[in-house]
Amino acid sequence: MNRLLFTLPFIAFTAMIIILFYSLSNNDQQSSSLMGEPVPEFTLRQVDEDIPNFSHLDLSGQVVLVHFFASWCPSCQREHHLLMKLTQDHKIPIYGIGVKEHPLKLLPWLQKNGNPFTKLGLDELGQVRVEWQVRTIPETFIISKEGEIVYRHHGSLSAKTIESVIMPKINQLRE
């Protein structure tokens, strides 16, 4: 009986750890009530007169990426070179949304690291982020020619994810 009293909590604790680990590692990139829906309506503040801002109306007519990021975000800083490569090598239009970002900090960062964005806007208060149900930064969406959200990627992009997931989806939508 004493042995059961000691092993039962251990078994319960182990089961909870396994469930927690599984739920965190089984991050379904497709899970969103926005999948297959038109992009939410928005208009963003312009970062600089030389960098055009955009609204939801710009996100149709071609397959594009929408990328939520911040210059202060370490993960965003690490993946930035991959966005530059996507733009240069694959001619992917990327629309950037700077979350809780200030232009005086963002502009020097883009000048130093390069600007991969076709258009860029500021979501200073995080309202657009909420409308898009963005939970993490960075977060990337693939938008179809029809202006619908067809894929979302939570967190940092990797070269492997771009080659095995992002590019095949974009190429399929471009056909």
Protein backbone atom coordinates (compact mmCIF):
# COMPACT_ATOMS: atom_id res chain seq x y z
CA MET A 1 0.00 0.00 0.00
CA ASN A 2 2.81 2.44 0.86
CA ARG A 3 4.53 1.64 -2.39
CA LEU A 4 1.34 2.54 -4.31
CA LEU A 5 1.11 5.89 -2.50
CA PHE A 6 4.61 6.77 -3.69
CA THR A 7 4.35 5.50 -7.28
CA LEU A 8 0.89 6.89 -8.12
CA PRO A 9 1.93 10.58 -7.90
CA PHE A 10 5.09 9.79 -9.86
CA ILE A 11 3.07 8.13 -12.63
CA ALA A 12 0.60 11.05 -12.71
CA PHE A 13 3.43 13.59 -12.83
CA THR A 14 5.20 11.70 -15.63
CA ALA A 15 1.97 11.49 -17.64
CA MET A 16 1.45 15.26 -17.28
CA ILE A 17 5.00 15.96 -18.47
CA ILE A 18 4.54 13.71 -21.51
CA ILE A 19 1.23 15.38 -22.40
CA LEU A 20 2.75 18.84 -21.99
CA PHE A 21 5.80 17.96 -24.09
CA TYR A 22 3.60 16.46 -26.82
CA SER A 23 1.32 19.49 -26.96
CA LEU A 24 4.28 21.87 -27.21
CA SER A 25 6.16 19.84 -29.81
CA ASN A 26 3.09 19.06 -31.90
CA ASN A 27 2.75 22.67 -33.05
CA ASP A 28 0.21 22.50 -35.85
CA GLN A 29 1.19 25.30 -38.19
CA GLN A 30 -2.17 25.15 -39.90
CA SER A 31 -4.29 25.67 -36.78
CA SER A 32 -6.18 28.94 -37.11
CA SER A 33 -9.75 29.98 -37.58
CA LEU A 34 -8.40 32.26 -40.33
CA MET A 35 -7.33 29.42 -42.65
CA GLY A 36 -9.07 29.74 -45.99
CA GLU A 37 -10.51 33.11 -44.99
CA PRO A 38 -9.80 36.50 -46.58
CA VAL A 39 -7.12 38.46 -44.77
CA PRO A 40 -8.54 40.70 -42.04
CA GLU A 41 -9.09 44.32 -43.02
CA PHE A 42 -6.39 46.73 -41.89
CA THR A 43 -4.37 49.79 -42.86
CA LEU A 44 -0.94 50.29 -41.35
CA ARG A 45 0.98 53.43 -40.56
CA GLN A 46 3.81 54.15 -42.96
CA VAL A 47 7.32 53.64 -41.60
CA ASP A 48 9.03 56.19 -43.83
CA GLU A 49 8.08 58.21 -46.90
CA ASP A 50 10.52 56.13 -48.96
CA ILE A 51 9.02 52.80 -47.83
CA PRO A 52 5.41 52.32 -48.97
CA ASN A 53 2.92 51.19 -46.34
CA PHE A 54 0.05 48.88 -47.14
CA SER A 55 -3.40 47.65 -46.31
CA HIS A 56 -5.34 44.42 -46.77
CA LEU A 57 -6.18 45.56 -50.32
CA ASP A 58 -2.54 45.02 -51.37
CA LEU A 59 -2.64 41.32 -50.47
CA SER A 60 -4.41 39.91 -53.52
CA GLY A 61 -3.54 39.35 -57.15
CA GLN A 62 -0.35 37.38 -56.45
CA VAL A 63 0.97 34.90 -53.92
CA VAL A 64 2.69 36.80 -51.10
CA LEU A 65 4.10 36.34 -47.62
CA VAL A 66 2.99 38.47 -44.71
CA HIS A 67 5.60 38.55 -41.99
CA PHE A 68 5.01 39.85 -38.45
CA PHE A 69 8.31 40.79 -36.84
CA ALA A 70 10.17 43.31 -34.68
CA SER A 71 13.73 44.59 -34.82
CA TRP A 72 14.03 44.03 -31.05
CA CYS A 73 13.08 40.34 -31.38
CA PRO A 74 16.13 37.99 -31.23
CA SER A 75 14.40 35.31 -33.34
CA CYS A 76 13.51 37.91 -35.97
CA GLN A 77 17.11 39.07 -36.08
CA ARG A 78 18.36 35.50 -36.60
CA GLU A 79 15.98 34.73 -39.47
CA HIS A 80 16.29 38.09 -41.27
CA HIS A 81 18.97 36.84 -43.70
CA LEU A 82 16.54 34.10 -44.81
CA LEU A 83 13.92 36.72 -45.72
CA MET A 84 16.56 38.57 -47.72
CA LYS A 85 17.41 35.33 -49.54
CA LEU A 86 13.73 34.58 -50.26
CA THR A 87 13.32 38.00 -51.82
CA GLN A 88 16.53 37.82 -53.84
CA ASP A 89 16.56 34.18 -54.96
CA HIS A 90 12.88 33.41 -55.33
CA LYS A 91 11.39 36.86 -55.99
CA ILE A 92 8.80 36.33 -53.24
CA PRO A 93 6.93 39.52 -52.32
CA ILE A 94 7.11 39.87 -48.54
CA TYR A 95 4.86 42.34 -46.76
CA GLY A 96 6.28 43.22 -43.36
CA ILE A 97 4.32 44.21 -40.29
CA GLY A 98 6.48 45.72 -37.56
CA VAL A 99 4.80 44.85 -34.26
CA LYS A 100 5.11 47.30 -31.36
CA GLU A 101 7.89 48.91 -33.32
CA HIS A 102 9.09 52.51 -33.51
CA PRO A 103 10.27 53.90 -36.86
CA LEU A 104 13.35 55.51 -35.31
CA LYS A 105 14.56 52.06 -34.24
CA LEU A 106 13.27 50.05 -37.19
CA LEU A 107 14.70 52.18 -40.00
CA PRO A 108 18.35 52.04 -38.86
CA TRP A 109 17.99 48.29 -38.29
CA LEU A 110 16.67 47.79 -41.85
CA GLN A 111 19.40 50.04 -43.28
CA LYS A 112 22.03 47.97 -41.49
CA ASN A 113 20.57 44.49 -42.25
CA GLY A 114 18.74 45.08 -45.54
CA ASN A 115 15.07 45.50 -46.35
CA PRO A 116 13.44 42.36 -47.78
CA PHE A 117 9.95 43.87 -47.68
CA THR A 118 7.95 44.85 -50.74
CA LYS A 119 5.86 47.02 -48.44
CA LEU A 120 6.13 47.65 -44.74
CA GLY A 121 3.79 49.01 -42.10
CA LEU A 122 3.78 49.59 -38.37
CA ASP A 123 1.39 47.91 -35.97
CA GLU A 124 2.46 50.08 -33.04
CA LEU A 125 -0.35 49.07 -30.71
CA GLY A 126 -0.57 45.43 -31.81
CA GLN A 127 -4.15 45.74 -33.11
CA VAL A 128 -3.45 44.12 -36.49
CA ARG A 129 -1.56 41.37 -34.67
CA VAL A 130 -4.71 40.59 -32.67
CA GLU A 131 -6.92 40.58 -35.79
CA TRP A 132 -4.57 38.08 -37.42
CA GLN A 133 -4.47 35.97 -34.23
CA VAL A 134 -0.67 36.23 -34.08
CA ARG A 135 0.55 34.55 -30.92
CA THR A 136 4.29 34.70 -31.42
CA ILE A 137 6.78 36.89 -33.14
CA PRO A 138 7.96 36.22 -35.74
CA GLU A 139 5.00 34.72 -37.52
CA THR A 140 4.63 34.25 -41.28
CA PHE A 141 1.55 33.76 -43.45
CA ILE A 142 1.20 32.65 -47.06
CA ILE A 143 -1.57 34.55 -48.86
CA SER A 144 -3.13 33.23 -52.08
CA LYS A 145 -3.79 35.27 -55.22
CA GLU A 146 -7.37 35.56 -54.02
CA GLY A 147 -6.22 37.24 -50.81
CA GLU A 148 -6.92 34.24 -48.56
CA ILE A 149 -4.74 32.91 -45.76
CA VAL A 150 -3.58 29.46 -46.82
CA TYR A 151 -0.72 28.76 -44.39
CA ARG A 152 0.78 30.15 -41.21
CA HIS A 153 4.10 29.47 -39.59
CA HIS A 154 4.52 30.22 -35.89
CA GLY A 155 7.99 31.28 -34.82
CA SER A 156 11.27 31.58 -36.66
CA LEU A 157 11.73 30.36 -40.18
CA SER A 158 14.60 28.02 -40.95
CA ALA A 159 16.24 27.18 -44.25
CA LYS A 160 14.78 23.69 -43.94
CA THR A 161 11.23 25.01 -43.40
CA ILE A 162 11.55 27.40 -46.32
CA GLU A 163 12.74 24.67 -48.69
CA SER A 164 10.49 21.85 -47.51
CA VAL A 165 7.28 23.72 -46.65
CA ILE A 166 7.14 27.40 -47.66
CA MET A 167 8.50 27.17 -51.23
CA PRO A 168 6.49 24.07 -52.22
CA LYS A 169 3.29 25.76 -51.02
CA ILE A 170 4.13 28.98 -52.83
CA ASN A 171 5.04 27.13 -56.04
CA GLN A 172 1.81 25.13 -55.86
CA LEU A 173 -0.23 28.32 -55.46
CA ARG A 174 1.60 30.04 -58.31
CA GLU A 175 0.62 27.29 -60.81
